[in-house]
PDB file of all heavy atoms in Angstrom:
ATOM      1  N   LYS A   1      -1.876 -19.092   8.978  1.00  0.00           N
ATOM      2  CA  LYS A   1      -2.605 -17.901   8.566  1.00  0.00           C
ATOM      3  C   LYS A   1      -2.899 -17.027   9.778  1.00  0.00           C
ATOM      4  O   LYS A   1      -3.273 -17.512  10.834  1.00  0.00           O
ATOM      5  CB  LYS A   1      -3.918 -18.290   7.883  1.00  0.00           C
ATOM      6  CG  LYS A   1      -3.745 -18.887   6.490  1.00  0.00           C
ATOM      7  CD  LYS A   1      -5.081 -19.296   5.903  1.00  0.00           C
ATOM      8  CE  LYS A   1      -4.891 -19.906   4.510  1.00  0.00           C
ATOM      9  NZ  LYS A   1      -6.179 -20.414   3.955  1.00  0.00           N
ATOM     10  N   VAL A   2      -2.748 -15.711   9.593  1.00  0.00           N
ATOM     11  CA  VAL A   2      -3.077 -14.776  10.671  1.00  0.00           C
ATOM     12  C   VAL A   2      -4.469 -14.210  10.436  1.00  0.00           C
ATOM     13  O   VAL A   2      -5.024 -14.299   9.342  1.00  0.00           O
ATOM     14  CB  VAL A   2      -2.054 -13.621  10.740  1.00  0.00           C
ATOM     15  CG1 VAL A   2      -0.685 -14.144  11.125  1.00  0.00           C
ATOM     16  CG2 VAL A   2      -1.986 -12.864   9.422  1.00  0.00           C
ATOM     17  N   SER A   3      -5.020 -13.647  11.491  1.00  0.00           N
ATOM     18  CA  SER A   3      -6.330 -13.019  11.364  1.00  0.00           C
ATOM     19  C   SER A   3      -6.243 -11.877  10.361  1.00  0.00           C
ATOM     20  O   SER A   3      -5.241 -11.156  10.321  1.00  0.00           O
ATOM     21  CB  SER A   3      -6.790 -12.478  12.725  1.00  0.00           C
ATOM     22  OG  SER A   3      -6.755 -13.492  13.702  1.00  0.00           O
ATOM     23  N   PRO A   4      -7.268 -11.673   9.539  1.00  0.00           N
ATOM     24  CA  PRO A   4      -7.219 -10.595   8.553  1.00  0.00           C
ATOM     25  C   PRO A   4      -7.168  -9.221   9.214  1.00  0.00           C
ATOM     26  O   PRO A   4      -7.746  -9.022  10.293  1.00  0.00           O
ATOM     27  CB  PRO A   4      -8.518 -10.781   7.764  1.00  0.00           C
ATOM     28  CG  PRO A   4      -9.405 -11.576   8.652  1.00  0.00           C
ATOM     29  CD  PRO A   4      -8.525 -12.441   9.469  1.00  0.00           C
ATOM     30  N   LEU A   5      -6.437  -8.312   8.600  1.00  0.00           N
ATOM     31  CA  LEU A   5      -6.345  -6.941   9.104  1.00  0.00           C
ATOM     32  C   LEU A   5      -7.593  -6.182   8.672  1.00  0.00           C
ATOM     33  O   LEU A   5      -7.759  -5.849   7.495  1.00  0.00           O
ATOM     34  CB  LEU A   5      -5.076  -6.270   8.557  1.00  0.00           C
ATOM     35  CG  LEU A   5      -4.853  -4.800   8.919  1.00  0.00           C
ATOM     36  CD1 LEU A   5      -4.819  -4.614  10.434  1.00  0.00           C
ATOM     37  CD2 LEU A   5      -3.562  -4.289   8.288  1.00  0.00           C
ATOM     38  N   LYS A   6      -8.448  -5.904   9.634  1.00  0.00           N
ATOM     39  CA  LYS A   6      -9.742  -5.313   9.315  1.00  0.00           C
ATOM     40  C   LYS A   6      -9.704  -3.793   9.410  1.00  0.00           C
ATOM     41  O   LYS A   6     -10.121  -3.187  10.404  1.00  0.00           O
ATOM     42  CB  LYS A   6     -10.820  -5.887  10.238  1.00  0.00           C
ATOM     43  CG  LYS A   6     -11.052  -7.376  10.036  1.00  0.00           C
ATOM     44  CD  LYS A   6     -12.115  -7.907  10.976  1.00  0.00           C
ATOM     45  CE  LYS A   6     -12.344  -9.397  10.751  1.00  0.00           C
ATOM     46  NZ  LYS A   6     -13.354  -9.953  11.695  1.00  0.00           N
ATOM     47  N   ILE A   7      -9.147  -3.173   8.373  1.00  0.00           N
ATOM     48  CA  ILE A   7      -9.219  -1.719   8.242  1.00  0.00           C
ATOM     49  C   ILE A   7      -9.755  -1.395   6.861  1.00  0.00           C
ATOM     50  O   ILE A   7      -9.634  -2.185   5.925  1.00  0.00           O
ATOM     51  CB  ILE A   7      -7.839  -1.050   8.463  1.00  0.00           C
ATOM     52  CG1 ILE A   7      -6.804  -1.534   7.435  1.00  0.00           C
ATOM     53  CG2 ILE A   7      -7.324  -1.324   9.873  1.00  0.00           C
ATOM     54  CD1 ILE A   7      -5.477  -0.804   7.531  1.00  0.00           C
ATOM     55  N   THR A   8     -10.361  -0.221   6.731  1.00  0.00           N
ATOM     56  CA  THR A   8     -11.054   0.117   5.480  1.00  0.00           C
ATOM     57  C   THR A   8     -10.126   0.658   4.399  1.00  0.00           C
ATOM     58  O   THR A   8     -10.410   0.523   3.210  1.00  0.00           O
ATOM     59  CB  THR A   8     -12.158   1.155   5.749  1.00  0.00           C
ATOM     60  OG1 THR A   8     -11.574   2.288   6.419  1.00  0.00           O
ATOM     61  CG2 THR A   8     -13.244   0.552   6.637  1.00  0.00           C
ATOM     62  N   ASP A   9      -9.017   1.258   4.810  1.00  0.00           N
ATOM     63  CA  ASP A   9      -8.086   1.861   3.845  1.00  0.00           C
ATOM     64  C   ASP A   9      -7.244   0.756   3.212  1.00  0.00           C
ATOM     65  O   ASP A   9      -6.289   0.261   3.814  1.00  0.00           O
ATOM     66  CB  ASP A   9      -7.193   2.878   4.562  1.00  0.00           C
ATOM     67  CG  ASP A   9      -6.325   3.685   3.595  1.00  0.00           C
ATOM     68  OD1 ASP A   9      -6.019   3.176   2.506  1.00  0.00           O
ATOM     69  OD2 ASP A   9      -5.947   4.816   3.961  1.00  0.00           O
ATOM     70  N   GLU A  10      -7.591   0.376   1.982  1.00  0.00           N
ATOM     71  CA  GLU A  10      -6.904  -0.735   1.308  1.00  0.00           C
ATOM     72  C   GLU A  10      -5.436  -0.417   1.025  1.00  0.00           C
ATOM     73  O   GLU A  10      -4.582  -1.302   1.076  1.00  0.00           O
ATOM     74  CB  GLU A  10      -7.638  -1.094   0.008  1.00  0.00           C
ATOM     75  CG  GLU A  10      -8.992  -1.739   0.218  1.00  0.00           C
ATOM     76  CD  GLU A  10      -8.891  -3.081   0.925  1.00  0.00           C
ATOM     77  OE1 GLU A  10      -7.906  -3.806   0.704  1.00  0.00           O
ATOM     78  OE2 GLU A  10      -9.808  -3.403   1.717  1.00  0.00           O
ATOM     79  N   LYS A  11      -5.148   0.842   0.717  1.00  0.00           N
ATOM     80  CA  LYS A  11      -3.755   1.223   0.441  1.00  0.00           C
ATOM     81  C   LYS A  11      -2.902   1.067   1.703  1.00  0.00           C
ATOM     82  O   LYS A  11      -1.792   0.526   1.659  1.00  0.00           O
ATOM     83  CB  LYS A  11      -3.696   2.664  -0.055  1.00  0.00           C
ATOM     84  CG  LYS A  11      -2.294   3.114  -0.448  1.00  0.00           C
ATOM     85  CD  LYS A  11      -2.288   4.542  -0.966  1.00  0.00           C
ATOM     86  CE  LYS A  11      -0.875   4.988  -1.304  1.00  0.00           C
ATOM     87  NZ  LYS A  11      -0.837   6.416  -1.754  1.00  0.00           N
ATOM     88  N   LYS A  12      -3.428   1.548   2.827  1.00  0.00           N
ATOM     89  CA  LYS A  12      -2.710   1.407   4.107  1.00  0.00           C
ATOM     90  C   LYS A  12      -2.534  -0.071   4.450  1.00  0.00           C
ATOM     91  O   LYS A  12      -1.466  -0.490   4.901  1.00  0.00           O
ATOM     92  CB  LYS A  12      -3.462   2.123   5.231  1.00  0.00           C
ATOM     93  CG  LYS A  12      -2.783   1.992   6.587  1.00  0.00           C
ATOM     94  CD  LYS A  12      -3.624   2.552   7.716  1.00  0.00           C
ATOM     95  CE  LYS A  12      -3.468   4.050   7.821  1.00  0.00           C
ATOM     96  NZ  LYS A  12      -4.057   4.565   9.098  1.00  0.00           N
ATOM     97  N   LYS A  13      -3.563  -0.847   4.247  1.00  0.00           N
ATOM     98  CA  LYS A  13      -3.503  -2.276   4.525  1.00  0.00           C
ATOM     99  C   LYS A  13      -2.396  -2.944   3.724  1.00  0.00           C
ATOM    100  O   LYS A  13      -1.626  -3.761   4.249  1.00  0.00           O
ATOM    101  CB  LYS A  13      -4.855  -2.913   4.207  1.00  0.00           C
ATOM    102  CG  LYS A  13      -4.944  -4.394   4.515  1.00  0.00           C
ATOM    103  CD  LYS A  13      -6.336  -4.925   4.196  1.00  0.00           C
ATOM    104  CE  LYS A  13      -6.425  -6.417   4.419  1.00  0.00           C
ATOM    105  NZ  LYS A  13      -7.755  -6.959   4.074  1.00  0.00           N
ATOM    106  N   ALA A  14      -2.296  -2.584   2.442  1.00  0.00           N
ATOM    107  CA  ALA A  14      -1.260  -3.161   1.579  1.00  0.00           C
ATOM    108  C   ALA A  14       0.132  -2.762   2.060  1.00  0.00           C
ATOM    109  O   ALA A  14       1.069  -3.577   2.047  1.00  0.00           O
ATOM    110  CB  ALA A  14      -1.479  -2.721   0.141  1.00  0.00           C
ATOM    111  N   GLN A  15       0.287  -1.507   2.501  1.00  0.00           N
ATOM    112  CA  GLN A  15       1.583  -1.039   3.001  1.00  0.00           C
ATOM    113  C   GLN A  15       1.987  -1.788   4.270  1.00  0.00           C
ATOM    114  O   GLN A  15       3.148  -2.173   4.439  1.00  0.00           O
ATOM    115  CB  GLN A  15       1.509   0.467   3.303  1.00  0.00           C
ATOM    116  CG  GLN A  15       1.496   1.346   2.069  1.00  0.00           C
ATOM    117  CD  GLN A  15       1.387   2.819   2.457  1.00  0.00           C
ATOM    118  OE1 GLN A  15       0.320   3.299   2.867  1.00  0.00           O
ATOM    119  NE2 GLN A  15       2.484   3.541   2.335  1.00  0.00           N
ATOM    120  N   ILE A  16       1.027  -1.998   5.162  1.00  0.00           N
ATOM    121  CA  ILE A  16       1.299  -2.711   6.415  1.00  0.00           C
ATOM    122  C   ILE A  16       1.719  -4.154   6.130  1.00  0.00           C
ATOM    123  O   ILE A  16       2.709  -4.652   6.685  1.00  0.00           O
ATOM    124  CB  ILE A  16       0.059  -2.667   7.337  1.00  0.00           C
ATOM    125  CG1 ILE A  16      -0.129  -1.243   7.883  1.00  0.00           C
ATOM    126  CG2 ILE A  16       0.180  -3.675   8.478  1.00  0.00           C
ATOM    127  CD1 ILE A  16      -1.433  -1.023   8.619  1.00  0.00           C
ATOM    128  N   ASP A  17       0.978  -4.818   5.269  1.00  0.00           N
ATOM    129  CA  ASP A  17       1.308  -6.210   4.947  1.00  0.00           C
ATOM    130  C   ASP A  17       2.670  -6.324   4.266  1.00  0.00           C
ATOM    131  O   ASP A  17       3.405  -7.286   4.487  1.00  0.00           O
ATOM    132  CB  ASP A  17       0.217  -6.816   4.061  1.00  0.00           C
ATOM    133  CG  ASP A  17      -1.020  -7.220   4.862  1.00  0.00           C
ATOM    134  OD1 ASP A  17      -0.865  -7.513   6.060  1.00  0.00           O
ATOM    135  OD2 ASP A  17      -2.123  -7.229   4.298  1.00  0.00           O
ATOM    136  N   GLU A  18       3.005  -5.334   3.449  1.00  0.00           N
ATOM    137  CA  GLU A  18       4.310  -5.336   2.783  1.00  0.00           C
ATOM    138  C   GLU A  18       5.435  -5.226   3.811  1.00  0.00           C
ATOM    139  O   GLU A  18       6.454  -5.915   3.729  1.00  0.00           O
ATOM    140  CB  GLU A  18       4.388  -4.184   1.786  1.00  0.00           C
ATOM    141  CG  GLU A  18       5.723  -4.038   1.068  1.00  0.00           C
ATOM    142  CD  GLU A  18       6.078  -5.228   0.186  1.00  0.00           C
ATOM    143  OE1 GLU A  18       5.154  -5.951  -0.267  1.00  0.00           O
ATOM    144  OE2 GLU A  18       7.289  -5.435  -0.059  1.00  0.00           O
ATOM    145  N   LYS A  19       5.253  -4.350   4.801  1.00  0.00           N
ATOM    146  CA  LYS A  19       6.279  -4.157   5.819  1.00  0.00           C
ATOM    147  C   LYS A  19       6.445  -5.389   6.723  1.00  0.00           C
ATOM    148  O   LYS A  19       7.532  -5.662   7.215  1.00  0.00           O
ATOM    149  CB  LYS A  19       5.950  -2.925   6.669  1.00  0.00           C
ATOM    150  CG  LYS A  19       6.276  -1.593   5.998  1.00  0.00           C
ATOM    151  CD  LYS A  19       5.938  -0.434   6.910  1.00  0.00           C
ATOM    152  CE  LYS A  19       6.408   0.889   6.312  1.00  0.00           C
ATOM    153  NZ  LYS A  19       7.892   1.025   6.316  1.00  0.00           N
ATOM    154  N   LEU A  20       5.352  -6.125   6.932  1.00  0.00           N
ATOM    155  CA  LEU A  20       5.389  -7.253   7.870  1.00  0.00           C
ATOM    156  C   LEU A  20       5.584  -8.603   7.187  1.00  0.00           C
ATOM    157  O   LEU A  20       5.633  -9.635   7.868  1.00  0.00           O
ATOM    158  CB  LEU A  20       4.090  -7.292   8.692  1.00  0.00           C
ATOM    159  CG  LEU A  20       3.846  -6.105   9.639  1.00  0.00           C
ATOM    160  CD1 LEU A  20       2.497  -6.249  10.324  1.00  0.00           C
ATOM    161  CD2 LEU A  20       4.957  -5.986  10.677  1.00  0.00           C
ATOM    162  N   LYS A  21       5.703  -8.605   5.875  1.00  0.00           N
ATOM    163  CA  LYS A  21       5.746  -9.887   5.168  1.00  0.00           C
ATOM    164  C   LYS A  21       6.948 -10.736   5.567  1.00  0.00           C
ATOM    165  O   LYS A  21       6.883 -11.964   5.554  1.00  0.00           O
ATOM    166  CB  LYS A  21       5.703  -9.681   3.657  1.00  0.00           C
ATOM    167  CG  LYS A  21       6.953  -9.079   3.039  1.00  0.00           C
ATOM    168  CD  LYS A  21       6.812  -8.980   1.519  1.00  0.00           C
ATOM    169  CE  LYS A  21       8.087  -8.455   0.885  1.00  0.00           C
ATOM    170  NZ  LYS A  21       7.957  -8.348  -0.592  1.00  0.00           N
ATOM    171  N   GLY A  22       8.064 -10.104   5.946  1.00  0.00           N
ATOM    172  CA  GLY A  22       9.249 -10.865   6.354  1.00  0.00           C
ATOM    173  C   GLY A  22       9.067 -11.575   7.678  1.00  0.00           C
ATOM    174  O   GLY A  22       9.677 -12.613   7.929  1.00  0.00           O
ATOM    175  N   ILE A  23       8.226 -11.026   8.542  1.00  0.00           N
ATOM    176  CA  ILE A  23       7.988 -11.649   9.842  1.00  0.00           C
ATOM    177  C   ILE A  23       6.992 -12.795   9.717  1.00  0.00           C
ATOM    178  O   ILE A  23       7.040 -13.755  10.482  1.00  0.00           O
ATOM    179  CB  ILE A  23       7.503 -10.591  10.859  1.00  0.00           C
ATOM    180  CG1 ILE A  23       8.659  -9.635  11.157  1.00  0.00           C
ATOM    181  CG2 ILE A  23       7.001 -11.224  12.147  1.00  0.00           C
ATOM    182  CD1 ILE A  23       8.331  -8.542  12.136  1.00  0.00           C
ATOM    183  N   HIS A  24       6.112 -12.711   8.729  1.00  0.00           N
ATOM    184  CA  HIS A  24       5.142 -13.790   8.511  1.00  0.00           C
ATOM    185  C   HIS A  24       5.804 -14.879   7.657  1.00  0.00           C
ATOM    186  O   HIS A  24       5.896 -14.780   6.442  1.00  0.00           O
ATOM    187  CB  HIS A  24       3.892 -13.251   7.824  1.00  0.00           C
ATOM    188  CG  HIS A  24       2.790 -14.260   7.713  1.00  0.00           C
ATOM    189  ND1 HIS A  24       2.229 -14.865   8.815  1.00  0.00           N
ATOM    190  CD2 HIS A  24       2.161 -14.777   6.641  1.00  0.00           C
ATOM    191  CE1 HIS A  24       1.298 -15.711   8.416  1.00  0.00           C
ATOM    192  NE2 HIS A  24       1.239 -15.679   7.106  1.00  0.00           N
ATOM    193  N   ILE A  25       6.292 -15.931   8.303  1.00  0.00           N
ATOM    194  CA  ILE A  25       7.071 -16.983   7.636  1.00  0.00           C
ATOM    195  C   ILE A  25       6.141 -17.950   6.915  1.00  0.00           C
ATOM    196  O   ILE A  25       5.169 -18.437   7.491  1.00  0.00           O
ATOM    197  CB  ILE A  25       7.929 -17.744   8.673  1.00  0.00           C
ATOM    198  CG1 ILE A  25       8.848 -16.762   9.420  1.00  0.00           C
ATOM    199  CG2 ILE A  25       8.757 -18.825   8.008  1.00  0.00           C
ATOM    200  CD1 ILE A  25       9.573 -17.388  10.585  1.00  0.00           C
ATOM    201  N   ASP A  26       6.465 -18.259   5.653  1.00  0.00           N
ATOM    202  CA  ASP A  26       5.628 -19.190   4.887  1.00  0.00           C
ATOM    203  C   ASP A  26       6.118 -20.630   5.038  1.00  0.00           C
ATOM    204  O   ASP A  26       7.169 -20.898   5.635  1.00  0.00           O
ATOM    205  CB  ASP A  26       5.569 -18.793   3.406  1.00  0.00           C
ATOM    206  CG  ASP A  26       6.932 -18.830   2.715  1.00  0.00           C
ATOM    207  OD1 ASP A  26       7.874 -19.434   3.269  1.00  0.00           O
ATOM    208  OD2 ASP A  26       7.053 -18.263   1.615  1.00  0.00           O
ATOM    209  N   GLY A  27       5.338 -21.573   4.505  1.00  0.00           N
ATOM    210  CA  GLY A  27       5.613 -22.999   4.652  1.00  0.00           C
ATOM    211  C   GLY A  27       6.997 -23.425   4.191  1.00  0.00           C
ATOM    212  O   GLY A  27       7.733 -24.089   4.946  1.00  0.00           O
ATOM    213  N   PRO A  28       7.411 -23.098   2.949  1.00  0.00           N
ATOM    214  CA  PRO A  28       8.742 -23.502   2.494  1.00  0.00           C
ATOM    215  C   PRO A  28       9.868 -22.976   3.383  1.00  0.00           C
ATOM    216  O   PRO A  28      10.855 -23.674   3.624  1.00  0.00           O
ATOM    217  CB  PRO A  28       8.816 -22.909   1.081  1.00  0.00           C
ATOM    218  CG  PRO A  28       7.387 -22.832   0.626  1.00  0.00           C
ATOM    219  CD  PRO A  28       6.609 -22.488   1.858  1.00  0.00           C
TER     220      PRO A  28
END
């Protein structure tokens, strides 16, 4: 787990996480 992205704009936060999801490798 990475540290939570602490920004107030939820839409921007969702866009950032979507763009970086491939770099954040899950367990499987």
